[in-house]
Amino acid sequence: TGPAHGSNAMTNGNVGAAMIGQEGQWAAQGLAELLDRANAPIFAVSLEGIITEWNYFISHLTGVQHDAAMGSKIWDRIQANAHKTLQEAISAMQTGAMGMPFELKLKGVASGDAPTALLASLTPQFDSKGQAIGALCLGQVVLEHRQISDKGGSTTAKKEPDSDSNRKTKGMVMHELRSPLHGIIGLATTLSQDESPLQKPLRMIGSSAERVLELVTNLMDYWNLAEDPNQELPSDPIDFPALVNESMARCEQAKDKRGKPMKKDKVNIIREVPPNLPPMYGDSQAIVQLLYHLTMNALKFTHQGHVTIAIAANPRTKCMDITVEDTGIGISKGSIKRVFEPFQQEDTSESRRYEGIGLGLAIVSEVVRLHNGSINVNSTQ
């Protein structure tokens, strides 16, 4: 058997012309899928503020599904105090400029839902004639430190003395790292609408940008989770069946650096989640991150067999046991002790076979720690 990762957590002529046209449509669809499964909240709006893209990640954050968001006005999806800032940022897109990041809060489905705070920056979208037609927005979730409640009661926000300074620093870093990716993805999407023989390179550009975006997002997520060892997370009711389904869907859509699916044809993902789990509370978005990174790590090293995601209530510890088990290549004994440390890879040679920078399991470890849980790994080679 391969590595088994476990944790206790409280808790995406005419014939030739026709072929090129089909290729262009396929490339455009492929790039749209990249945006949809990106591990970051992304939406796009016209210059009039009409939503033209709403990805899976942001649907999860807000509860507002893709079909409901598309065609609606962005002003109805954000709190009023950000209307002026966003309108000014969208207006600036007509000049082709990429502005500085700003904060906005997204509304949930119900009036009583807590808003989701994002640090956001915009990049212009162009038509085939080079005219600005809208803006692509990519955000970073701003974690508000809250008192966690085992009974799902009220939460109390805590503000650290230097939180404003940290937020500005994060905003600057996010803008400098992510804005070029916005431009690459936006331009690749625009160019893919044109009927030309360059659709394959455009797909490669989009795929490469997505990989870098994933790395940047992981860096920011780890920074948010690890910079304050005493922070406490929101107390949301955790719907484990829904969160497992969400992480499985994202993992099944994930691609490696060659554009091939992370899940090999000879690998099955098995879901073992009973329907009658007891209520648990924690940060649902963080739990999705945990499930996603554990499953992606298992899929990366498994070439045949299965990856099993199991959830079970532990009556002794009164916690939820989350286990990801696979039939992969295993982990050496010397590497097990550092597998959850940031930037650690078992194979660090330049010719190494497996990609990544070693942050996925470090994020998992931080999510578990912040939920007052424990994590361990068992493996044979």
Protein backbone atom coordinates (compact mmCIF):
# COMPACT_ATOMS: atom_id res chain seq x y z
CA THR A 1 0.00 0.00 0.00
CA GLY A 2 1.00 3.61 -0.52
CA PRO A 3 0.85 6.56 1.81
CA ALA A 4 -2.15 6.96 4.04
CA HIS A 5 -2.73 10.45 5.31
CA GLY A 6 -5.03 10.95 8.24
CA SER A 7 -6.18 13.88 10.30
CA ASN A 8 -8.53 14.62 13.16
CA ALA A 9 -10.16 17.98 12.62
CA MET A 10 -12.91 19.83 14.40
CA THR A 11 -14.49 20.62 12.33
CA ASN A 12 -12.51 22.56 -11.23
CA GLY A 13 -10.55 25.74 -48.23
CA ASN A 14 -13.97 25.49 -46.25
CA VAL A 15 -12.99 22.28 -44.55
CA GLY A 16 -9.81 23.88 -43.23
CA ALA A 17 -11.66 26.95 -42.01
CA ALA A 18 -14.23 24.81 -40.25
CA MET A 19 -11.51 22.83 -38.51
CA ILE A 20 -9.78 25.99 -37.33
CA GLY A 21 -13.09 27.38 -36.12
CA GLN A 22 -13.79 24.22 -34.14
CA GLU A 23 -10.27 24.33 -32.73
CA GLY A 24 -10.78 27.93 -31.69
CA GLN A 25 -14.03 27.09 -29.95
CA TRP A 26 -12.36 24.18 -28.20
CA ALA A 27 -9.49 26.37 -27.04
CA ALA A 28 -11.88 29.04 -25.77
CA GLN A 29 -13.81 26.41 -23.87
CA GLY A 30 -10.59 24.98 -22.45
CA LEU A 31 -9.47 28.37 -21.17
CA ALA A 32 -12.88 28.98 -19.65
CA GLU A 33 -12.51 25.67 -17.82
CA LEU A 34 -9.12 26.78 -16.52
CA LEU A 35 -10.74 29.82 -14.96
CA ASP A 36 -13.58 27.78 -13.54
CA ARG A 37 -11.40 25.27 -11.73
CA ALA A 38 -8.74 27.74 -10.57
CA ASN A 39 -7.94 27.54 -6.88
CA ALA A 40 -8.88 31.19 -6.38
CA PRO A 41 -12.05 33.30 -6.52
CA ILE A 42 -12.43 34.71 -10.06
CA PHE A 43 -15.20 36.67 -11.71
CA ALA A 44 -15.44 38.84 -14.84
CA VAL A 45 -17.70 41.80 -15.58
CA SER A 46 -18.55 43.94 -18.58
CA LEU A 47 -17.85 47.67 -18.49
CA GLU A 48 -21.48 48.07 -17.42
CA GLY A 49 -20.95 45.80 -14.41
CA ILE A 50 -22.74 42.70 -15.78
CA ILE A 51 -21.20 39.43 -14.58
CA THR A 52 -19.76 37.41 -17.49
CA GLU A 53 -17.75 34.83 -15.52
CA TRP A 54 -18.23 33.36 -12.05
CA ASN A 55 -15.98 30.43 -11.19
CA TYR A 56 -16.51 27.40 -9.01
CA PHE A 57 -14.36 28.70 -6.17
CA ILE A 58 -16.35 31.89 -5.77
CA SER A 59 -19.61 29.92 -5.99
CA HIS A 60 -18.47 27.93 -2.98
CA LEU A 61 -17.46 31.03 -1.04
CA THR A 62 -20.76 32.84 -1.51
CA GLY A 63 -23.27 30.08 -2.16
CA VAL A 64 -24.30 31.95 -5.32
CA GLN A 65 -24.19 29.39 -8.13
CA HIS A 66 -22.79 30.07 -11.62
CA ASP A 67 -26.13 30.17 -13.43
CA ALA A 68 -27.62 32.54 -10.88
CA ALA A 69 -24.66 34.93 -11.04
CA MET A 70 -24.21 35.04 -14.82
CA GLY A 71 -25.95 38.05 -16.37
CA SER A 72 -26.70 39.67 -13.03
CA LYS A 73 -25.22 42.96 -11.85
CA ILE A 74 -22.07 42.82 -9.76
CA TRP A 75 -23.48 45.64 -7.62
CA ASP A 76 -26.08 43.20 -6.34
CA ARG A 77 -23.33 40.77 -5.29
CA ILE A 78 -21.09 43.08 -3.26
CA GLN A 79 -21.63 45.33 -0.28
CA ALA A 80 -22.49 48.96 -1.00
CA ASN A 81 -19.31 50.43 0.50
CA ALA A 82 -17.25 48.89 -2.35
CA HIS A 83 -19.49 50.08 -5.23
CA LYS A 84 -17.56 53.30 -5.90
CA THR A 85 -14.14 51.66 -5.71
CA LEU A 86 -15.12 48.84 -8.05
CA GLN A 87 -16.81 51.24 -10.51
CA GLU A 88 -13.64 53.35 -10.66
CA ALA A 89 -11.52 50.22 -11.19
CA ILE A 90 -13.77 48.98 -14.01
CA SER A 91 -13.75 52.43 -15.66
CA ALA A 92 -9.95 52.41 -15.57
CA MET A 93 -10.01 49.20 -17.62
CA GLN A 94 -10.99 51.23 -20.71
CA THR A 95 -7.45 52.61 -20.77
CA GLY A 96 -5.96 49.11 -20.57
CA ALA A 97 -4.44 49.80 -17.16
CA MET A 98 -4.26 47.33 -14.29
CA GLY A 99 -5.02 49.07 -11.03
CA MET A 100 -3.87 48.42 -7.49
CA PRO A 101 -5.66 45.81 -5.36
CA PHE A 102 -8.61 46.84 -3.25
CA GLU A 103 -10.90 45.18 -0.75
CA LEU A 104 -14.52 44.24 -1.36
CA LYS A 105 -17.01 42.05 0.40
CA LEU A 106 -19.19 39.56 -1.47
CA LYS A 107 -22.72 38.94 -0.29
CA GLY A 108 -23.98 35.44 0.42
CA VAL A 109 -27.23 33.90 -0.78
CA ALA A 110 -29.30 34.72 2.29
CA SER A 111 -29.52 38.14 3.89
CA GLY A 112 -28.11 36.76 7.13
CA ASP A 113 -25.02 35.17 5.57
CA ALA A 114 -21.71 36.72 6.61
CA PRO A 115 -20.01 38.53 3.70
CA THR A 116 -16.77 37.16 2.25
CA ALA A 117 -13.90 39.65 2.25
CA LEU A 118 -11.58 39.62 -0.77
CA LEU A 119 -8.45 41.49 -1.70
CA ALA A 120 -9.12 41.94 -5.42
CA SER A 121 -7.33 43.30 -8.48
CA LEU A 122 -8.62 43.72 -12.03
CA THR A 123 -7.08 43.16 -15.45
CA PRO A 124 -8.73 44.39 -18.68
CA GLN A 125 -10.43 42.08 -21.16
CA PHE A 126 -10.27 42.96 -24.88
CA ASP A 127 -12.21 41.96 -27.96
CA SER A 128 -10.53 40.79 -31.19
CA LYS A 129 -10.08 44.44 -32.26
CA GLY A 130 -8.22 45.36 -29.10
CA GLN A 131 -11.07 47.29 -27.51
CA ALA A 132 -11.62 46.94 -23.78
CA ILE A 133 -14.90 45.16 -23.11
CA GLY A 134 -14.66 44.34 -19.44
CA ALA A 135 -12.51 43.27 -16.54
CA LEU A 136 -11.32 40.00 -15.02
CA CYS A 137 -11.12 40.03 -11.26
CA LEU A 138 -9.04 37.63 -9.21
CA GLY A 139 -9.23 37.76 -5.46
CA GLN A 140 -7.53 36.51 -2.34
CA VAL A 141 -9.72 35.61 0.62
CA VAL A 142 -9.04 37.79 3.63
CA LEU A 143 -9.27 35.67 6.76
CA GLU A 144 -10.99 37.33 9.67
CA HIS A 145 -9.82 35.88 12.95
CA ARG A 146 -12.80 34.68 14.93
CA GLN A 147 -13.49 32.77 18.10
CA ILE A 148 -14.45 29.22 17.16
CA SER A 149 -17.53 27.76 18.82
CA ASP A 150 -18.11 24.02 19.26
CA LYS A 151 -21.86 24.58 19.26
CA GLY A 152 -22.01 26.83 16.23
CA GLY A 153 -22.85 29.89 18.29
CA SER A 154 -21.91 33.49 17.70
CA THR A 155 -18.35 34.42 16.84
CA THR A 156 -16.25 37.36 17.92
CA ALA A 157 -13.87 38.98 15.46
CA LYS A 158 -10.35 39.72 16.69
CA LYS A 159 -8.12 42.36 15.17
CA GLU A 160 -4.38 42.22 15.60
CA PRO A 161 -2.56 45.54 16.08
CA ASP A 162 -0.57 45.19 12.86
CA SER A 163 -3.37 43.65 10.78
CA ASP A 164 -3.75 46.76 8.60
CA SER A 165 -0.04 46.77 7.82
CA ASN A 166 -0.06 43.03 7.09
CA ARG A 167 -3.10 43.43 4.86
CA LYS A 168 -1.40 46.17 2.82
CA THR A 169 1.72 44.04 2.45
CA LYS A 170 -0.32 41.05 1.32
CA GLY A 171 -2.20 43.24 -1.11
CA MET A 172 1.03 44.50 -2.64
CA VAL A 173 2.50 41.01 -2.94
CA MET A 174 -0.72 39.61 -4.38
CA HIS A 175 -0.92 42.41 -6.93
CA GLU A 176 2.70 42.07 -8.08
CA LEU A 177 2.51 38.28 -8.41
CA ARG A 178 -1.01 37.81 -9.70
CA SER A 179 -1.62 40.78 -11.99
CA PRO A 180 0.70 39.47 -14.74
CA LEU A 181 -1.18 36.17 -14.54
CA HIS A 182 -4.46 38.06 -14.93
CA GLY A 183 -3.07 39.63 -18.08
CA ILE A 184 -1.83 36.32 -19.48
CA ILE A 185 -5.10 34.50 -18.84
CA GLY A 186 -7.22 37.41 -20.09
CA LEU A 187 -5.21 37.88 -23.27
CA ALA A 188 -5.07 34.15 -23.97
CA THR A 189 -8.85 34.01 -23.58
CA THR A 190 -9.28 36.94 -25.98
CA LEU A 191 -6.88 35.52 -28.59
CA SER A 192 -8.53 32.11 -28.43
CA GLN A 193 -11.69 33.68 -29.86
CA ASP A 194 -9.81 34.41 -33.09
CA GLU A 195 -9.77 31.72 -35.79
CA SER A 196 -6.06 31.07 -36.21
CA PRO A 197 -3.67 28.10 -36.15
CA LEU A 198 -2.29 29.25 -32.81
CA GLN A 199 -4.89 27.60 -30.61
CA LYS A 200 -2.57 24.91 -29.23
CA PRO A 201 0.05 27.44 -28.06
CA LEU A 202 -2.75 29.50 -26.51
CA ARG A 203 -3.96 26.48 -24.57
CA MET A 204 -0.39 25.94 -23.37
CA ILE A 205 -0.18 29.58 -22.28
CA GLY A 206 -3.43 29.30 -20.38
CA SER A 207 -2.40 26.03 -18.74
CA SER A 208 1.00 27.43 -17.73
CA ALA A 209 -0.61 30.54 -16.26
CA GLU A 210 -2.99 28.37 -14.28
CA ARG A 211 -0.08 26.40 -12.81
CA VAL A 212 1.69 29.56 -11.71
CA LEU A 213 -1.58 30.92 -10.36
CA GLU A 214 -1.98 27.76 -8.30
CA LEU A 215 1.53 28.16 -6.88
CA VAL A 216 0.92 31.81 -5.99
CA THR A 217 -2.41 30.95 -4.40
CA ASN A 218 -0.81 28.22 -2.31
CA LEU A 219 1.89 30.62 -1.16
CA MET A 220 -0.72 33.18 -0.12
CA ASP A 221 -2.86 30.54 1.58
CA TYR A 222 0.10 29.23 3.55
CA TRP A 223 1.09 32.77 4.49
CA ASN A 224 -2.43 33.51 5.74
CA LEU A 225 -2.62 30.31 7.76
CA ALA A 226 0.89 30.17 9.22
CA GLU A 227 1.76 33.79 9.97
CA ASP A 228 -0.32 33.89 13.14
CA PRO A 229 -0.07 30.68 15.19
CA ASN A 230 -2.78 31.86 17.56
CA GLN A 231 -5.47 32.78 15.06
CA GLU A 232 -8.83 31.09 15.31
CA LEU A 233 -11.12 30.32 12.39
CA PRO A 234 -14.83 30.93 11.72
CA SER A 235 -17.37 28.52 13.16
CA ASP A 236 -19.43 27.30 10.19
CA PRO A 237 -21.46 24.09 10.11
CA ILE A 238 -19.39 21.61 8.09
CA ASP A 239 -21.27 19.67 5.38
CA PHE A 240 -18.70 16.90 4.85
CA PRO A 241 -20.55 15.05 2.03
CA ALA A 242 -20.79 18.30 0.01
CA LEU A 243 -17.18 19.28 0.72
CA VAL A 244 -15.86 15.84 -0.28
CA ASN A 245 -17.87 16.01 -3.52
CA GLU A 246 -16.48 19.48 -4.22
CA SER A 247 -12.86 18.47 -3.64
CA MET A 248 -13.31 15.31 -5.75
CA ALA A 249 -14.72 17.35 -8.64
CA ARG A 250 -11.79 19.76 -8.51
CA CYS A 251 -9.24 16.95 -8.35
CA GLU A 252 -10.80 15.09 -11.28
CA GLN A 253 -10.50 18.27 -13.40
CA ALA A 254 -6.93 19.06 -12.34
CA LYS A 255 -4.11 18.89 -14.92
CA ASP A 256 -0.35 18.50 -14.56
CA LYS A 257 2.27 20.71 -16.20
CA ARG A 258 1.94 18.78 -19.49
CA GLY A 259 -1.81 19.38 -19.53
CA LYS A 260 -2.64 15.77 -18.68
CA PRO A 261 -5.18 14.84 -15.99
CA MET A 262 -3.71 14.36 -12.53
CA LYS A 263 -6.01 11.36 -12.10
CA LYS A 264 -4.65 8.54 -14.26
CA ASP A 265 -7.02 6.30 -16.22
CA LYS A 266 -6.20 3.30 -14.03
CA VAL A 267 -6.97 5.13 -10.79
CA ASN A 268 -10.39 5.28 -9.15
CA ILE A 269 -11.40 7.82 -6.52
CA ILE A 270 -13.50 6.15 -3.84
CA ARG A 271 -15.75 8.12 -1.51
CA GLU A 272 -16.63 6.76 1.90
CA VAL A 273 -18.80 9.33 3.65
CA PRO A 274 -21.81 8.22 5.74
CA PRO A 275 -24.95 10.39 5.42
CA ASN A 276 -25.65 10.70 9.14
CA LEU A 277 -22.49 12.35 10.46
CA PRO A 278 -22.91 14.38 13.67
CA PRO A 279 -22.76 18.19 13.39
CA MET A 280 -19.28 19.69 13.42
CA TYR A 281 -18.16 23.29 13.15
CA GLY A 282 -15.13 25.04 11.67
CA ASP A 283 -13.95 26.81 8.53
CA SER A 284 -15.61 25.04 5.59
CA GLN A 285 -13.32 26.68 3.01
CA ALA A 286 -10.25 25.57 4.93
CA ILE A 287 -11.62 22.01 5.12
CA VAL A 288 -12.05 22.04 1.32
CA GLN A 289 -8.40 23.06 1.05
CA LEU A 290 -7.43 20.19 3.33
CA LEU A 291 -9.40 17.61 1.34
CA TYR A 292 -8.15 19.00 -2.00
CA HIS A 293 -4.47 19.00 -1.09
CA LEU A 294 -4.56 15.56 0.54
CA THR A 295 -6.35 14.07 -2.48
CA MET A 296 -4.13 15.85 -5.02
CA ASN A 297 -1.04 14.60 -3.22
CA ALA A 298 -2.35 11.05 -3.35
CA LEU A 299 -3.30 11.31 -7.05
CA LYS A 300 0.14 12.71 -7.93
CA PHE A 301 1.92 9.59 -6.71
CA THR A 302 -0.68 6.95 -7.64
CA HIS A 303 -0.50 5.42 -11.15
CA GLN A 304 -2.97 2.59 -10.71
CA GLY A 305 -5.36 1.36 -8.08
CA HIS A 306 -7.36 3.77 -5.99
CA VAL A 307 -7.47 6.86 -3.82
CA THR A 308 -10.01 6.64 -1.01
CA ILE A 309 -11.45 9.60 0.89
CA ALA A 310 -13.11 8.51 4.11
CA ILE A 311 -14.88 10.55 6.80
CA ALA A 312 -15.93 9.04 10.13
CA ALA A 313 -17.02 10.38 13.48
CA ASN A 314 -14.74 9.36 16.33
CA PRO A 315 -16.83 8.96 19.51
CA ARG A 316 -13.73 8.71 21.70
CA THR A 317 -12.14 12.00 20.65
CA LYS A 318 -15.41 13.66 19.63
CA CYS A 319 -13.64 14.73 16.44
CA MET A 320 -14.05 13.88 12.79
CA ASP A 321 -11.50 11.47 11.31
CA ILE A 322 -10.54 12.42 7.75
CA THR A 323 -8.50 9.73 5.99
CA VAL A 324 -7.05 9.78 2.48
CA GLU A 325 -5.52 6.42 1.52
CA ASP A 326 -3.94 5.42 -1.78
CA THR A 327 -2.11 2.61 -3.60
CA GLY A 328 0.72 4.88 -4.72
CA ILE A 329 4.49 4.63 -4.56
CA GLY A 330 4.77 5.34 -0.85
CA ILE A 331 7.06 7.57 1.16
CA SER A 332 10.49 6.65 2.48
CA LYS A 333 10.92 6.46 6.24
CA GLY A 334 13.42 9.31 6.14
CA SER A 335 10.93 11.63 4.47
CA ILE A 336 7.87 10.92 6.62
CA LYS A 337 9.01 13.13 9.48
CA ARG A 338 9.27 16.22 7.22
CA VAL A 339 6.36 15.59 4.83
CA PHE A 340 4.23 18.31 6.45
CA GLU A 341 6.99 20.93 6.51
CA PRO A 342 6.75 23.74 3.92
CA PHE A 343 8.82 23.53 0.72
CA GLN A 344 9.79 19.92 1.34
CA GLN A 345 10.03 17.37 -1.49
CA GLU A 346 11.19 13.76 -1.21
CA ASP A 347 13.03 14.15 -4.55
CA THR A 348 14.75 17.53 -4.80
CA SER A 349 16.90 16.78 -7.88
CA GLU A 350 16.57 18.94 -11.01
CA SER A 351 15.44 15.86 -12.95
CA ARG A 352 12.73 14.96 -10.45
CA ARG A 353 9.62 13.33 -11.87
CA TYR A 354 6.95 14.93 -9.72
CA GLU A 355 6.11 18.64 -9.81
CA GLY A 356 5.23 21.03 -7.01
CA ILE A 357 7.01 23.17 -4.43
CA GLY A 358 5.98 21.29 -1.31
CA LEU A 359 3.22 23.49 0.12
CA GLY A 360 0.08 21.35 -0.22
CA LEU A 361 0.65 19.18 2.84
CA ALA A 362 2.02 22.14 4.79
CA ILE A 363 -1.32 23.89 4.21
CA VAL A 364 -3.09 20.72 5.36
CA SER A 365 -1.05 20.70 8.56
CA GLU A 366 -1.91 24.34 9.29
CA VAL A 367 -5.64 23.79 8.70
CA VAL A 368 -5.59 20.83 11.11
CA ARG A 369 -3.64 22.78 13.73
CA LEU A 370 -6.02 25.74 13.56
CA HIS A 371 -8.94 23.34 14.08
CA ASN A 372 -7.28 21.92 17.21
CA GLY A 373 -6.71 18.57 15.49
CA SER A 374 -3.80 16.23 14.86
CA ILE A 375 -2.38 14.67 11.71
CA ASN A 376 -0.21 11.67 10.96
CA VAL A 377 0.99 9.60 8.01
CA ASN A 378 1.59 5.87 7.60
CA SER A 379 3.36 4.54 4.52
CA THR A 380 5.19 1.54 3.05
CA GLN A 381 7.22 1.37 -0.12
